[in-house]
C-alpha cells in the first residue's frame, strides 16, 4: 500500500496557512484569484508572532535538558551556556520583522535553500 505524502503535505500546509490567516499573521482572499499573501502590515510584524502562533514561546523558558526545576537559581549544567543564546534569539525575533528577514534573503546575506 502506498501513501501519498504529497496529499498529506498539501493538507498540512493548507491547514497551517488557514491558521496563520485566522491569527492574522498572513492575509487570505477567497475566490478565483484568491490565495494567501502578506500585506505591508503582515510584512512589518515581528517574526516572533509567527513563532508564537506555530510553536509557542515556552521553549524560551524551558530547560534545554528537559529539567522542570532549571532556572538561574537552580541551573542545569548547561543553563548559563544556553541562556544567552536563547535570550539573543528571542530578542532578534522580537526586534526583526518578516520583511527584515526577507530582505536578508533577497540581498544574499542568508539563504532558505540548500547548496
PDB file of N, CA and C in Angstrom:
ATOM      1  N   UNK A   1       0.828  -1.173   0.000  1.00  0.00           N
ATOM      2  CA  UNK A   1       0.000   0.000   0.000  1.00  0.00           C
ATOM      3  C   UNK A   1       0.881   1.249   0.000  1.00  0.00           C
ATOM      4  N   UNK A   2       0.632   2.146  -0.909  1.00  0.00           N
ATOM      5  CA  UNK A   2       1.391   3.386  -0.989  1.00  0.00           C
ATOM      6  C   UNK A   2       0.628   4.508  -0.283  1.00  0.00           C
ATOM      7  N   UNK A   3       1.393   5.364   0.339  1.00  0.00           N
ATOM      8  CA  UNK A   3       0.810   6.537   0.985  1.00  0.00           C
ATOM      9  C   UNK A   3       1.252   7.751   0.181  1.00  0.00           C
ATOM     10  N   UNK A   4       0.315   8.564  -0.188  1.00  0.00           N
ATOM     11  CA  UNK A   4       0.630   9.763  -0.958  1.00  0.00           C
ATOM     12  C   UNK A   4       1.062  10.875  -0.001  1.00  0.00           C
ATOM     13  N   UNK A   5       2.358  11.068   0.118  1.00  0.00           N
ATOM     14  CA  UNK A   5       2.865  12.104   1.009  1.00  0.00           C
ATOM     15  C   UNK A   5       2.531  13.488   0.491  1.00  0.00           C
ATOM     16  N   UNK A   6       2.469  13.632  -0.805  1.00  0.00           N
ATOM     17  CA  UNK A   6       2.166  14.943  -1.381  1.00  0.00           C
ATOM     18  C   UNK A   6       0.816  15.439  -0.870  1.00  0.00           C
ATOM     19  N   UNK A   7      -0.186  14.576  -0.884  1.00  0.00           N
ATOM     20  CA  UNK A   7      -1.510  14.952  -0.404  1.00  0.00           C
ATOM     21  C   UNK A   7      -1.498  15.315   1.068  1.00  0.00           C
ATOM     22  N   UNK A   8      -0.752  14.552   1.863  1.00  0.00           N
ATOM     23  CA  UNK A   8      -0.644  14.827   3.295  1.00  0.00           C
ATOM     24  C   UNK A   8       0.048  16.164   3.516  1.00  0.00           C
ATOM     25  N   UNK A   9       1.137  16.393   2.784  1.00  0.00           N
ATOM     26  CA  UNK A   9       1.865  17.651   2.918  1.00  0.00           C
ATOM     27  C   UNK A   9       1.009  18.832   2.483  1.00  0.00           C
ATOM     28  N   UNK A  10       0.274  18.674   1.386  1.00  0.00           N
ATOM     29  CA  UNK A  10      -0.581  19.758   0.904  1.00  0.00           C
ATOM     30  C   UNK A  10      -1.663  20.081   1.924  1.00  0.00           C
ATOM     31  N   UNK A  11      -2.264  19.064   2.532  1.00  0.00           N
ATOM     32  CA  UNK A  11      -3.301  19.296   3.536  1.00  0.00           C
ATOM     33  C   UNK A  11      -2.707  19.975   4.769  1.00  0.00           C
ATOM     34  N   UNK A  12      -1.529  19.541   5.166  1.00  0.00           N
ATOM     35  CA  UNK A  12      -0.867  20.145   6.320  1.00  0.00           C
ATOM     36  C   UNK A  12      -0.510  21.596   6.066  1.00  0.00           C
ATOM     37  N   UNK A  13       0.012  21.881   4.886  1.00  0.00           N
ATOM     38  CA  UNK A  13       0.354  23.249   4.529  1.00  0.00           C
ATOM     39  C   UNK A  13      -0.901  24.109   4.435  1.00  0.00           C
ATOM     40  N   UNK A  14      -1.958  23.569   3.843  1.00  0.00           N
ATOM     41  CA  UNK A  14      -3.217  24.306   3.733  1.00  0.00           C
ATOM     42  C   UNK A  14      -3.748  24.658   5.120  1.00  0.00           C
ATOM     43  N   UNK A  15      -3.690  23.708   6.052  1.00  0.00           N
ATOM     44  CA  UNK A  15      -4.157  23.947   7.419  1.00  0.00           C
ATOM     45  C   UNK A  15      -3.301  25.007   8.098  1.00  0.00           C
ATOM     46  N   UNK A  16      -1.993  24.940   7.922  1.00  0.00           N
ATOM     47  CA  UNK A  16      -1.098  25.921   8.508  1.00  0.00           C
ATOM     48  C   UNK A  16      -1.394  27.317   7.956  1.00  0.00           C
ATOM     49  N   UNK A  17      -1.556  27.435   6.642  1.00  0.00           N
ATOM     50  CA  UNK A  17      -1.865  28.732   6.038  1.00  0.00           C
ATOM     51  C   UNK A  17      -3.207  29.266   6.528  1.00  0.00           C
ATOM     52  N   UNK A  18      -4.199  28.390   6.656  1.00  0.00           N
ATOM     53  CA  UNK A  18      -5.504  28.807   7.175  1.00  0.00           C
ATOM     54  C   UNK A  18      -5.378  29.313   8.613  1.00  0.00           C
ATOM     55  N   UNK A  19      -4.613  28.599   9.420  1.00  0.00           N
ATOM     56  CA  UNK A  19      -4.414  29.020  10.807  1.00  0.00           C
ATOM     57  C   UNK A  19      -3.685  30.361  10.875  1.00  0.00           C
ATOM     58  N   UNK A  20      -2.634  30.524  10.074  1.00  0.00           N
ATOM     59  CA  UNK A  20      -1.896  31.790  10.072  1.00  0.00           C
ATOM     60  C   UNK A  20      -2.792  32.945   9.640  1.00  0.00           C
ATOM     61  N   UNK A  21      -3.692  32.703   8.701  1.00  0.00           N
ATOM     62  CA  UNK A  21      -4.640  33.740   8.277  1.00  0.00           C
ATOM     63  C   UNK A  21      -5.634  34.039   9.405  1.00  0.00           C
ATOM     64  N   UNK A  22      -6.112  33.009  10.067  1.00  0.00           N
ATOM     65  CA  UNK A  22      -7.047  33.189  11.189  1.00  0.00           C
ATOM     66  C   UNK A  22      -6.396  34.017  12.293  1.00  0.00           C
ATOM     67  N   UNK A  23      -5.104  33.791  12.533  1.00  0.00           N
ATOM     68  CA  UNK A  23      -4.375  34.522  13.567  1.00  0.00           C
ATOM     69  C   UNK A  23      -3.889  35.887  13.077  1.00  0.00           C
ATOM     70  N   UNK A  24      -4.186  36.223  11.816  1.00  0.00           N
ATOM     71  CA  UNK A  24      -3.820  37.499  11.190  1.00  0.00           C
ATOM     72  C   UNK A  24      -2.308  37.691  11.028  1.00  0.00           C
ATOM     73  N   UNK A  25      -1.585  36.579  10.929  1.00  0.00           N
ATOM     74  CA  UNK A  25      -0.152  36.635  10.649  1.00  0.00           C
ATOM     75  C   UNK A  25       0.057  36.835   9.149  1.00  0.00           C
ATOM     76  N   UNK A  26      -0.816  36.218   8.346  1.00  0.00           N
ATOM     77  CA  UNK A  26      -0.853  36.421   6.906  1.00  0.00           C
ATOM     78  C   UNK A  26      -2.294  36.786   6.549  1.00  0.00           C
ATOM     79  N   UNK A  27      -2.516  37.119   5.288  1.00  0.00           N
ATOM     80  CA  UNK A  27      -3.846  37.520   4.830  1.00  0.00           C
ATOM     81  C   UNK A  27      -4.304  36.560   3.753  1.00  0.00           C
ATOM     82  N   UNK A  28      -5.602  36.362   3.658  1.00  0.00           N
ATOM     83  CA  UNK A  28      -6.134  35.477   2.627  1.00  0.00           C
ATOM     84  C   UNK A  28      -7.295  36.158   1.917  1.00  0.00           C
ATOM     85  N   UNK A  29      -7.521  35.712   0.701  1.00  0.00           N
ATOM     86  CA  UNK A  29      -8.654  36.187  -0.094  1.00  0.00           C
ATOM     87  C   UNK A  29      -9.293  34.984  -0.755  1.00  0.00           C
ATOM     88  N   UNK A  30     -10.617  34.981  -0.781  1.00  0.00           N
ATOM     89  CA  UNK A  30     -11.341  33.873  -1.410  1.00  0.00           C
ATOM     90  C   UNK A  30     -11.628  34.214  -2.864  1.00  0.00           C
ATOM     91  N   UNK A  31     -12.008  33.195  -3.601  1.00  0.00           N
ATOM     92  CA  UNK A  31     -12.403  33.414  -4.980  1.00  0.00           C
ATOM     93  C   UNK A  31     -11.381  32.908  -5.965  1.00  0.00           C
ATOM     94  N   UNK A  32     -11.668  33.051  -7.265  1.00  0.00           N
ATOM     95  CA  UNK A  32     -10.796  32.501  -8.306  1.00  0.00           C
ATOM     96  C   UNK A  32      -9.388  33.096  -8.309  1.00  0.00           C
ATOM     97  N   UNK A  33      -9.265  34.333  -7.886  1.00  0.00           N
ATOM     98  CA  UNK A  33      -7.930  34.951  -7.822  1.00  0.00           C
ATOM     99  C   UNK A  33      -7.433  35.050  -6.390  1.00  0.00           C
ATOM    100  N   UNK A  34      -8.054  34.288  -5.516  1.00  0.00           N
ATOM    101  CA  UNK A  34      -7.709  34.341  -4.102  1.00  0.00           C
ATOM    102  C   UNK A  34      -6.452  33.563  -3.777  1.00  0.00           C
ATOM    103  N   UNK A  35      -6.142  33.549  -2.530  1.00  0.00           N
ATOM    104  CA  UNK A  35      -4.961  32.837  -2.044  1.00  0.00           C
ATOM    105  C   UNK A  35      -4.466  33.479  -0.766  1.00  0.00           C
ATOM    106  N   UNK A  36      -3.249  33.188  -0.422  1.00  0.00           N
ATOM    107  CA  UNK A  36      -2.637  33.710   0.787  1.00  0.00           C
ATOM    108  C   UNK A  36      -1.537  34.673   0.390  1.00  0.00           C
ATOM    109  N   UNK A  37      -1.411  35.763   1.125  1.00  0.00           N
ATOM    110  CA  UNK A  37      -0.387  36.750   0.814  1.00  0.00           C
ATOM    111  C   UNK A  37      -0.047  37.553   2.062  1.00  0.00           C
ATOM    112  N   UNK A  38       1.003  38.348   1.953  1.00  0.00           N
ATOM    113  CA  UNK A  38       1.425  39.213   3.052  1.00  0.00           C
ATOM    114  C   UNK A  38       1.122  40.656   2.691  1.00  0.00           C
ATOM    115  N   UNK A  39       0.390  41.343   3.542  1.00  0.00           N
ATOM    116  CA  UNK A  39       0.178  42.774   3.387  1.00  0.00           C
ATOM    117  C   UNK A  39       1.400  43.488   3.971  1.00  0.00           C
ATOM    118  N   UNK A  40       1.471  44.792   3.791  1.00  0.00           N
ATOM    119  CA  UNK A  40       2.571  45.548   4.404  1.00  0.00           C
ATOM    120  C   UNK A  40       2.528  45.400   5.921  1.00  0.00           C
ATOM    121  N   UNK A  41       1.327  45.386   6.480  1.00  0.00           N
ATOM    122  CA  UNK A  41       1.193  45.204   7.926  1.00  0.00           C
ATOM    123  C   UNK A  41       1.739  43.838   8.344  1.00  0.00           C
ATOM    124  N   UNK A  42       1.406  42.782   7.559  1.00  0.00           N
ATOM    125  CA  UNK A  42       1.930  41.439   7.853  1.00  0.00           C
ATOM    126  C   UNK A  42       3.452  41.430   7.762  1.00  0.00           C
ATOM    127  N   UNK A  43       3.982  42.046   6.706  1.00  0.00           N
ATOM    128  CA  UNK A  43       5.436  42.046   6.487  1.00  0.00           C
ATOM    129  C   UNK A  43       6.186  42.762   7.600  1.00  0.00           C
ATOM    130  N   UNK A  44       5.559  43.787   8.162  1.00  0.00           N
ATOM    131  CA  UNK A  44       6.230  44.577   9.189  1.00  0.00           C
ATOM    132  C   UNK A  44       6.030  44.035  10.598  1.00  0.00           C
ATOM    133  N   UNK A  45       5.284  42.965  10.728  1.00  0.00           N
ATOM    134  CA  UNK A  45       5.091  42.345  12.047  1.00  0.00           C
ATOM    135  C   UNK A  45       6.354  41.590  12.444  1.00  0.00           C
ATOM    136  N   UNK A  46       6.621  41.583  13.726  1.00  0.00           N
ATOM    137  CA  UNK A  46       7.794  40.866  14.239  1.00  0.00           C
ATOM    138  C   UNK A  46       7.646  39.373  13.980  1.00  0.00           C
ATOM    139  N   UNK A  47       8.758  38.734  13.646  1.00  0.00           N
ATOM    140  CA  UNK A  47       8.740  37.303  13.355  1.00  0.00           C
ATOM    141  C   UNK A  47       8.348  36.482  14.581  1.00  0.00           C
ATOM    142  N   UNK A  48       8.506  37.052  15.768  1.00  0.00           N
ATOM    143  CA  UNK A  48       8.119  36.333  16.981  1.00  0.00           C
ATOM    144  C   UNK A  48       6.634  35.968  16.936  1.00  0.00           C
ATOM    145  N   UNK A  49       5.815  36.762  16.236  1.00  0.00           N
ATOM    146  CA  UNK A  49       4.385  36.467  16.122  1.00  0.00           C
ATOM    147  C   UNK A  49       4.153  35.127  15.430  1.00  0.00           C
ATOM    148  N   UNK A  50       4.938  34.842  14.409  1.00  0.00           N
ATOM    149  CA  UNK A  50       4.816  33.573  13.693  1.00  0.00           C
ATOM    150  C   UNK A  50       5.252  32.426  14.595  1.00  0.00           C
ATOM    151  N   UNK A  51       6.395  32.586  15.248  1.00  0.00           N
ATOM    152  CA  UNK A  51       6.911  31.545  16.144  1.00  0.00           C
ATOM    153  C   UNK A  51       5.910  31.277  17.267  1.00  0.00           C
ATOM    154  N   UNK A  52       5.386  32.335  17.840  1.00  0.00           N
ATOM    155  CA  UNK A  52       4.440  32.182  18.948  1.00  0.00           C
ATOM    156  C   UNK A  52       3.192  31.422  18.525  1.00  0.00           C
ATOM    157  N   UNK A  53       2.663  31.729  17.352  1.00  0.00           N
ATOM    158  CA  UNK A  53       1.440  31.073  16.886  1.00  0.00           C
ATOM    159  C   UNK A  53       1.681  29.617  16.507  1.00  0.00           C
ATOM    160  N   UNK A  54       2.816  29.317  15.906  1.00  0.00           N
ATOM    161  CA  UNK A  54       3.075  27.948  15.441  1.00  0.00           C
ATOM    162  C   UNK A  54       3.601  27.046  16.556  1.00  0.00           C
ATOM    163  N   UNK A  55       4.603  27.506  17.282  1.00  0.00           N
ATOM    164  CA  UNK A  55       5.268  26.657  18.280  1.00  0.00           C
ATOM    165  C   UNK A  55       5.052  27.087  19.722  1.00  0.00           C
ATOM    166  N   UNK A  56       4.617  28.309  19.944  1.00  0.00           N
ATOM    167  CA  UNK A  56       4.540  28.839  21.297  1.00  0.00           C
ATOM    168  C   UNK A  56       5.905  29.333  21.749  1.00  0.00           C
ATOM    169  N   UNK A  57       5.933  30.005  22.875  1.00  0.00           N
ATOM    170  CA  UNK A  57       7.182  30.592  23.368  1.00  0.00           C
ATOM    171  C   UNK A  57       7.763  29.862  24.570  1.00  0.00           C
ATOM    172  N   UNK A  58       7.132  28.775  24.987  1.00  0.00           N
ATOM    173  CA  UNK A  58       7.593  28.076  26.180  1.00  0.00           C
ATOM    174  C   UNK A  58       9.000  27.520  26.048  1.00  0.00           C
ATOM    175  N   UNK A  59       9.463  27.280  24.830  1.00  0.00           N
ATOM    176  CA  UNK A  59      10.827  26.758  24.645  1.00  0.00           C
ATOM    177  C   UNK A  59      11.883  27.758  25.105  1.00  0.00           C
ATOM    178  N   UNK A  60      11.518  29.040  25.102  1.00  0.00           N
ATOM    179  CA  UNK A  60      12.470  30.051  25.546  1.00  0.00           C
ATOM    180  C   UNK A  60      12.611  30.065  27.062  1.00  0.00           C
ATOM    181  N   UNK A  61      11.625  29.529  27.751  1.00  0.00           N
ATOM    182  CA  UNK A  61      11.659  29.493  29.219  1.00  0.00           C
ATOM    183  C   UNK A  61      11.992  28.117  29.773  1.00  0.00           C
ATOM    184  N   UNK A  62      11.911  27.091  28.944  1.00  0.00           N
ATOM    185  CA  UNK A  62      12.123  25.736  29.440  1.00  0.00           C
ATOM    186  C   UNK A  62      13.596  25.331  29.355  1.00  0.00           C
ATOM    187  N   UNK A  63      13.936  24.347  30.140  1.00  0.00           N
ATOM    188  CA  UNK A  63      15.303  23.823  30.196  1.00  0.00           C
ATOM    189  C   UNK A  63      15.608  23.022  28.939  1.00  0.00           C
ATOM    190  N   UNK A  64      16.758  23.261  28.355  1.00  0.00           N
ATOM    191  CA  UNK A  64      17.153  22.543  27.148  1.00  0.00           C
ATOM    192  C   UNK A  64      17.380  21.050  27.425  1.00  0.00           C
ATOM    193  N   UNK A  65      17.653  20.699  28.661  1.00  0.00           N
ATOM    194  CA  UNK A  65      17.817  19.294  29.042  1.00  0.00           C
ATOM    195  C   UNK A  65      16.508  18.669  29.501  1.00  0.00           C
ATOM    196  N   UNK A  66      15.442  19.481  29.558  1.00  0.00           N
ATOM    197  CA  UNK A  66      14.137  18.971  29.937  1.00  0.00           C
ATOM    198  C   UNK A  66      13.880  18.917  31.435  1.00  0.00           C
ATOM    199  N   UNK A  67      14.748  19.541  32.232  1.00  0.00           N
ATOM    200  CA  UNK A  67      14.562  19.537  33.684  1.00  0.00           C
ATOM    201  C   UNK A  67      13.490  20.556  34.073  1.00  0.00           C
ATOM    202  N   UNK A  68      12.609  20.181  34.964  1.00  0.00           N
ATOM    203  CA  UNK A  68      11.494  21.059  35.330  1.00  0.00           C
ATOM    204  C   UNK A  68      11.898  22.177  36.292  1.00  0.00           C
ATOM    205  N   UNK A  69      12.955  21.999  37.027  1.00  0.00           N
ATOM    206  CA  UNK A  69      13.355  22.987  38.033  1.00  0.00           C
ATOM    207  C   UNK A  69      14.547  23.840  37.609  1.00  0.00           C
ATOM    208  N   UNK A  70      14.876  23.877  36.340  1.00  0.00           N
ATOM    209  CA  UNK A  70      16.038  24.633  35.865  1.00  0.00           C
ATOM    210  C   UNK A  70      15.703  26.118  35.796  1.00  0.00           C
ATOM    211  N   UNK A  71      16.515  26.926  36.451  1.00  0.00           N
ATOM    212  CA  UNK A  71      16.388  28.383  36.423  1.00  0.00           C
ATOM    213  C   UNK A  71      17.711  28.970  36.910  1.00  0.00           C
ATOM    214  N   UNK A  72      17.868  30.296  36.853  1.00  0.00           N
ATOM    215  CA  UNK A  72      19.151  30.873  37.280  1.00  0.00           C
ATOM    216  C   UNK A  72      19.542  30.538  38.724  1.00  0.00           C
ATOM    217  N   UNK A  73      18.551  30.306  39.589  1.00  0.00           N
ATOM    218  CA  UNK A  73      18.854  29.957  40.977  1.00  0.00           C
ATOM    219  C   UNK A  73      19.111  28.473  41.175  1.00  0.00           C
ATOM    220  N   UNK A  74      18.682  27.657  40.231  1.00  0.00           N
ATOM    221  CA  UNK A  74      18.837  26.212  40.295  1.00  0.00           C
ATOM    222  C   UNK A  74      19.159  25.710  38.881  1.00  0.00           C
ATOM    223  N   UNK A  75      20.344  26.068  38.359  1.00  0.00           N
ATOM    224  CA  UNK A  75      20.647  25.804  36.950  1.00  0.00           C
ATOM    225  C   UNK A  75      21.070  24.368  36.649  1.00  0.00           C
ATOM    226  N   UNK A  76      20.720  23.932  35.451  1.00  0.00           N
ATOM    227  CA  UNK A  76      21.248  22.658  34.953  1.00  0.00           C
ATOM    228  C   UNK A  76      22.712  22.900  34.553  1.00  0.00           C
ATOM    229  N   UNK A  77      23.457  21.847  34.230  1.00  0.00           N
ATOM    230  CA  UNK A  77      24.876  22.024  33.905  1.00  0.00           C
ATOM    231  C   UNK A  77      25.161  22.960  32.716  1.00  0.00           C
ATOM    232  N   UNK A  78      24.207  23.111  31.779  1.00  0.00           N
ATOM    233  CA  UNK A  78      24.480  23.979  30.621  1.00  0.00           C
ATOM    234  C   UNK A  78      23.585  25.221  30.585  1.00  0.00           C
ATOM    235  N   UNK A  79      22.889  25.489  31.683  1.00  0.00           N
ATOM    236  CA  UNK A  79      21.961  26.626  31.743  1.00  0.00           C
ATOM    237  C   UNK A  79      22.629  27.932  31.308  1.00  0.00           C
ATOM    238  N   UNK A  80      23.765  28.245  31.894  1.00  0.00           N
ATOM    239  CA  UNK A  80      24.402  29.534  31.631  1.00  0.00           C
ATOM    240  C   UNK A  80      25.115  29.572  30.277  1.00  0.00           C
ATOM    241  N   UNK A  81      25.286  28.418  29.662  1.00  0.00           N
ATOM    242  CA  UNK A  81      25.826  28.390  28.293  1.00  0.00           C
ATOM    243  C   UNK A  81      24.737  28.665  27.272  1.00  0.00           C
ATOM    244  N   UNK A  82      23.545  28.139  27.511  1.00  0.00           N
ATOM    245  CA  UNK A  82      22.462  28.235  26.536  1.00  0.00           C
ATOM    246  C   UNK A  82      21.601  29.487  26.740  1.00  0.00           C
ATOM    247  N   UNK A  83      21.521  30.006  27.958  1.00  0.00           N
ATOM    248  CA  UNK A  83      20.651  31.151  28.250  1.00  0.00           C
ATOM    249  C   UNK A  83      20.955  32.369  27.373  1.00  0.00           C
ATOM    250  N   UNK A  84      22.222  32.751  27.171  1.00  0.00           N
ATOM    251  CA  UNK A  84      22.479  33.915  26.307  1.00  0.00           C
ATOM    252  C   UNK A  84      22.021  33.688  24.857  1.00  0.00           C
ATOM    253  N   UNK A  85      22.167  32.462  24.362  1.00  0.00           N
ATOM    254  CA  UNK A  85      21.713  32.137  23.007  1.00  0.00           C
ATOM    255  C   UNK A  85      20.199  32.299  22.915  1.00  0.00           C
ATOM    256  N   UNK A  86      19.475  31.751  23.878  1.00  0.00           N
ATOM    257  CA  UNK A  86      18.010  31.853  23.867  1.00  0.00           C
ATOM    258  C   UNK A  86      17.567  33.310  23.994  1.00  0.00           C
ATOM    259  N   UNK A  87      18.241  34.085  24.851  1.00  0.00           N
ATOM    260  CA  UNK A  87      17.901  35.498  25.020  1.00  0.00           C
ATOM    261  C   UNK A  87      18.139  36.282  23.729  1.00  0.00           C
ATOM    262  N   UNK A  88      19.251  36.009  23.052  1.00  0.00           N
ATOM    263  CA  UNK A  88      19.582  36.703  21.799  1.00  0.00           C
ATOM    264  C   UNK A  88      18.588  36.334  20.705  1.00  0.00           C
ATOM    265  N   UNK A  89      18.260  35.059  20.589  1.00  0.00           N
ATOM    266  CA  UNK A  89      17.302  34.621  19.576  1.00  0.00           C
ATOM    267  C   UNK A  89      15.941  35.256  19.826  1.00  0.00           C
ATOM    268  N   UNK A  90      15.486  35.266  21.053  1.00  0.00           N
ATOM    269  CA  UNK A  90      14.206  35.873  21.384  1.00  0.00           C
ATOM    270  C   UNK A  90      14.207  37.362  21.054  1.00  0.00           C
ATOM    271  N   UNK A  91      15.274  38.056  21.395  1.00  0.00           N
ATOM    272  CA  UNK A  91      15.383  39.491  21.085  1.00  0.00           C
ATOM    273  C   UNK A  91      15.374  39.725  19.576  1.00  0.00           C
ATOM    274  N   UNK A  92      16.117  38.902  18.826  1.00  0.00           N
ATOM    275  CA  UNK A  92      16.147  39.049  17.368  1.00  0.00           C
ATOM    276  C   UNK A  92      14.761  38.830  16.762  1.00  0.00           C
ATOM    277  N   UNK A  93      14.036  37.831  17.244  1.00  0.00           N
ATOM    278  CA  UNK A  93      12.704  37.547  16.722  1.00  0.00           C
ATOM    279  C   UNK A  93      11.719  38.661  17.075  1.00  0.00           C
ATOM    280  N   UNK A  94      11.898  39.295  18.220  1.00  0.00           N
ATOM    281  CA  UNK A  94      11.026  40.402  18.630  1.00  0.00           C
ATOM    282  C   UNK A  94      11.351  41.683  17.873  1.00  0.00           C
ATOM    283  N   UNK A  95      12.630  41.896  17.569  1.00  0.00           N
ATOM    284  CA  UNK A  95      13.076  43.166  17.009  1.00  0.00           C
ATOM    285  C   UNK A  95      13.192  43.180  15.489  1.00  0.00           C
ATOM    286  N   UNK A  96      12.951  42.053  14.835  1.00  0.00           N
ATOM    287  CA  UNK A  96      13.045  41.989  13.381  1.00  0.00           C
ATOM    288  C   UNK A  96      11.720  41.515  12.799  1.00  0.00           C
ATOM    289  N   UNK A  97      11.352  42.134  11.705  1.00  0.00           N
ATOM    290  CA  UNK A  97      10.090  41.789  11.046  1.00  0.00           C
ATOM    291  C   UNK A  97      10.306  40.688  10.019  1.00  0.00           C
ATOM    292  N   UNK A  98       9.207  40.179   9.545  1.00  0.00           N
ATOM    293  CA  UNK A  98       9.246  39.207   8.452  1.00  0.00           C
ATOM    294  C   UNK A  98       9.976  39.838   7.262  1.00  0.00           C
ATOM    295  N   UNK A  99       9.673  41.100   7.016  1.00  0.00           N
ATOM    296  CA  UNK A  99      10.305  41.838   5.912  1.00  0.00           C
ATOM    297  C   UNK A  99      11.817  41.941   6.101  1.00  0.00           C
ATOM    298  N   UNK A 100      12.276  42.188   7.330  1.00  0.00           N
ATOM    299  CA  UNK A 100      13.714  42.275   7.611  1.00  0.00           C
ATOM    300  C   UNK A 100      14.436  40.992   7.204  1.00  0.00           C
ATOM    301  N   UNK A 101      13.849  39.856   7.558  1.00  0.00           N
ATOM    302  CA  UNK A 101      14.471  38.581   7.216  1.00  0.00           C
ATOM    303  C   UNK A 101      14.375  38.316   5.711  1.00  0.00           C
ATOM    304  N   UNK A 102      13.274  38.709   5.090  1.00  0.00           N
ATOM    305  CA  UNK A 102      13.123  38.534   3.636  1.00  0.00           C
ATOM    306  C   UNK A 102      14.171  39.348   2.887  1.00  0.00           C
ATOM    307  N   UNK A 103      14.452  40.543   3.355  1.00  0.00           N
ATOM    308  CA  UNK A 103      15.463  41.390   2.712  1.00  0.00           C
ATOM    309  C   UNK A 103      16.837  40.739   2.804  1.00  0.00           C
ATOM    310  N   UNK A 104      17.137  40.106   3.931  1.00  0.00           N
ATOM    311  CA  UNK A 104      18.424  39.408   4.074  1.00  0.00           C
ATOM    312  C   UNK A 104      18.554  38.292   3.044  1.00  0.00           C
ATOM    313  N   UNK A 105      17.472  37.594   2.784  1.00  0.00           N
ATOM    314  CA  UNK A 105      17.490  36.531   1.773  1.00  0.00           C
ATOM    315  C   UNK A 105      17.640  37.147   0.387  1.00  0.00           C
ATOM    316  N   UNK A 106      16.881  38.196   0.098  1.00  0.00           N
ATOM    317  CA  UNK A 106      16.947  38.857  -1.212  1.00  0.00           C
ATOM    318  C   UNK A 106      18.337  39.418  -1.495  1.00  0.00           C
ATOM    319  N   UNK A 107      19.004  39.918  -0.463  1.00  0.00           N
ATOM    320  CA  UNK A 107      20.341  40.502  -0.629  1.00  0.00           C
ATOM    321  C   UNK A 107      21.463  39.457  -0.608  1.00  0.00           C
ATOM    322  N   UNK A 108      21.107  38.201  -0.439  1.00  0.00           N
ATOM    323  CA  UNK A 108      22.115  37.148  -0.410  1.00  0.00           C
ATOM    324  C   UNK A 108      22.871  37.056   0.906  1.00  0.00           C
ATOM    325  N   UNK A 109      22.378  37.733   1.949  1.00  0.00           N
ATOM    326  CA  UNK A 109      23.027  37.677   3.263  1.00  0.00           C
ATOM    327  C   UNK A 109      22.714  36.379   3.979  1.00  0.00           C
ATOM    328  N   UNK A 110      21.580  35.756   3.638  1.00  0.00           N
ATOM    329  CA  UNK A 110      21.186  34.480   4.206  1.00  0.00           C
ATOM    330  C   UNK A 110      20.409  33.699   3.143  1.00  0.00           C
ATOM    331  N   UNK A 111      20.166  32.429   3.407  1.00  0.00           N
ATOM    332  CA  UNK A 111      19.591  31.558   2.394  1.00  0.00           C
ATOM    333  C   UNK A 111      18.497  30.676   2.981  1.00  0.00           C
ATOM    334  N   UNK A 112      17.548  30.314   2.131  1.00  0.00           N
ATOM    335  CA  UNK A 112      16.477  29.386   2.517  1.00  0.00           C
ATOM    336  C   UNK A 112      16.520  28.107   1.701  1.00  0.00           C
ATOM    337  N   UNK A 113      17.581  27.943   0.932  1.00  0.00           N
ATOM    338  CA  UNK A 113      17.733  26.730   0.126  1.00  0.00           C
ATOM    339  C   UNK A 113      19.063  26.083   0.459  1.00  0.00           C
ATOM    340  N   UNK A 114      19.164  24.816   0.160  1.00  0.00           N
ATOM    341  CA  UNK A 114      20.431  24.108   0.368  1.00  0.00           C
ATOM    342  C   UNK A 114      21.285  24.250  -0.875  1.00  0.00           C
ATOM    343  N   UNK A 115      22.598  24.323  -0.661  1.00  0.00           N
ATOM    344  CA  UNK A 115      23.527  24.309  -1.772  1.00  0.00           C
ATOM    345  C   UNK A 115      23.695  25.544  -2.443  1.00  0.00           C
TER     346      UNK A 115
END
